[in-house]
Amino acid sequence: MEAFVGSQCHSIGVSNFTQKTPATILEAATIPPVLNQVELHALNLNCALVPWCKEHGIQIVNIAADHSIGTAVVSLLEVVQRSIAVISKSATPSRIEANIRLVTLRR
């Protein structure tokens, strides 16, 4: 994947990697991944992975599937308060609006 960095892409990201996999990549890669996209919520905090990635300069990005406005927004808020970027998925306009309101809840 490093061969594509330059004119075709700006950086490398990974998805759903546990702590062991990025450690292996960092040992072998000349270009480290800049982000790891993982699922985070109240029942899956990834307590060891998040600080490890931050320590090694890898941004954590959360994948959030919006199933219920109240529960989803609370879950998203918890993740955002941990300084983790969130990619929220929804096709329903009301849920998209609720996710946007998350910014005002955070303040």
Protein backbone atom coordinates (compact mmCIF):
# COMPACT_ATOMS: atom_id res chain seq x y z
CA MET A 1 0.00 0.00 0.00
CA GLU A 2 2.95 2.31 0.52
CA ALA A 3 3.57 2.36 -3.24
CA PHE A 4 0.39 4.40 -3.70
CA VAL A 5 1.33 7.20 -1.30
CA GLY A 6 2.25 10.32 -3.23
CA SER A 7 0.35 11.28 -6.33
CA GLN A 8 -2.50 8.82 -5.79
CA CYS A 9 -3.11 9.17 -2.05
CA HIS A 10 -2.01 11.36 0.84
CA SER A 11 -1.93 8.93 3.74
CA ILE A 12 -2.74 5.38 4.82
CA GLY A 13 -5.57 4.34 7.13
CA VAL A 14 -6.68 0.99 8.49
CA SER A 15 -9.99 -0.36 9.69
CA ASN A 16 -10.93 -2.62 12.61
CA PHE A 17 -7.33 -3.31 13.59
CA THR A 18 -6.64 -4.51 17.11
CA GLN A 19 -3.59 -3.28 18.99
CA LYS A 20 -1.44 -6.18 17.76
CA THR A 21 -1.94 -5.49 14.04
CA PRO A 22 -0.88 -1.81 14.01
CA ALA A 23 2.15 -2.76 16.13
CA THR A 24 3.16 -5.27 13.46
CA ILE A 25 2.61 -2.67 10.72
CA LEU A 26 4.69 -0.07 12.57
CA GLU A 27 7.59 -2.53 12.78
CA ALA A 28 7.62 -3.20 9.02
CA ALA A 29 6.18 -0.10 7.37
CA THR A 30 8.13 2.90 6.20
CA ILE A 31 4.90 4.93 6.21
CA PRO A 32 2.78 4.39 9.34
CA PRO A 33 -1.02 4.45 9.20
CA VAL A 34 -2.52 7.78 10.27
CA LEU A 35 -5.88 6.40 11.41
CA ASN A 36 -7.63 3.28 12.60
CA GLN A 37 -11.38 3.17 12.00
CA VAL A 38 -13.02 1.07 14.73
CA GLU A 39 -16.37 0.55 16.40
CA LEU A 40 -16.59 2.29 19.79
CA HIS A 41 -19.55 2.55 22.12
CA ALA A 42 -20.46 2.07 25.76
CA LEU A 43 -20.23 -1.73 25.45
CA ASN A 44 -17.04 -1.71 23.36
CA LEU A 45 -14.68 0.96 24.72
CA ASN A 46 -11.42 -0.48 23.36
CA CYS A 47 -9.72 0.76 26.54
CA ALA A 48 -6.27 -0.53 25.57
CA LEU A 49 -6.41 0.24 21.85
CA VAL A 50 -7.37 3.93 22.06
CA PRO A 51 -4.48 5.12 24.25
CA TRP A 52 -2.03 2.89 22.40
CA CYS A 53 -3.01 4.41 19.04
CA LYS A 54 -2.82 7.94 20.45
CA GLU A 55 0.63 7.20 21.87
CA HIS A 56 1.80 6.07 18.41
CA GLY A 57 0.22 9.00 16.52
CA ILE A 58 -2.65 6.99 15.03
CA GLN A 59 -6.00 8.81 15.05
CA ILE A 60 -8.97 6.71 16.12
CA VAL A 61 -12.11 7.18 14.03
CA ASN A 62 -15.39 5.74 15.26
CA ILE A 63 -17.88 3.93 13.04
CA ALA A 64 -21.37 4.64 14.37
CA ALA A 65 -24.57 3.10 13.05
CA ASP A 66 -27.57 5.16 14.08
CA HIS A 67 -30.34 2.83 15.32
CA SER A 68 -32.14 5.02 17.83
CA ILE A 69 -31.82 8.79 18.04
CA GLY A 70 -31.57 9.07 21.82
CA THR A 71 -29.28 6.12 22.38
CA ALA A 72 -27.18 6.83 19.30
CA VAL A 73 -26.58 10.48 20.16
CA VAL A 74 -25.62 9.59 23.73
CA SER A 75 -23.21 6.95 22.42
CA LEU A 76 -21.74 9.35 19.88
CA LEU A 77 -21.36 12.05 22.52
CA GLU A 78 -19.46 9.67 24.80
CA VAL A 79 -17.03 8.86 21.99
CA VAL A 80 -16.58 12.51 20.92
CA GLN A 81 -15.84 13.49 24.52
CA ARG A 82 -12.94 11.04 24.39
CA SER A 83 -11.50 13.13 21.49
CA ILE A 84 -12.24 10.44 18.92
CA ALA A 85 -13.47 11.41 15.45
CA VAL A 86 -16.86 9.92 14.51
CA ILE A 87 -18.24 8.79 11.16
CA SER A 88 -21.95 8.47 11.73
CA LYS A 89 -24.14 6.56 9.28
CA SER A 90 -27.76 7.37 8.65
CA ALA A 91 -30.09 7.87 5.70
CA THR A 92 -32.92 9.28 7.81
CA PRO A 93 -33.05 13.12 7.79
CA SER A 94 -34.20 13.35 11.43
CA ARG A 95 -31.33 11.15 12.60
CA ILE A 96 -28.82 13.14 10.53
CA GLU A 97 -30.12 16.32 12.21
CA ALA A 98 -29.78 14.68 15.65
CA ASN A 99 -26.18 13.77 14.85
CA ILE A 100 -25.48 17.36 13.78
CA ARG A 101 -26.95 18.60 17.10
CA LEU A 102 -24.28 16.52 18.79
CA VAL A 103 -21.89 19.43 18.18
CA THR A 104 -24.00 21.72 20.37
CA LEU A 105 -24.32 19.06 23.11
CA ARG A 106 -20.55 18.82 23.26
CA ARG A 107 -20.06 22.51 24.14
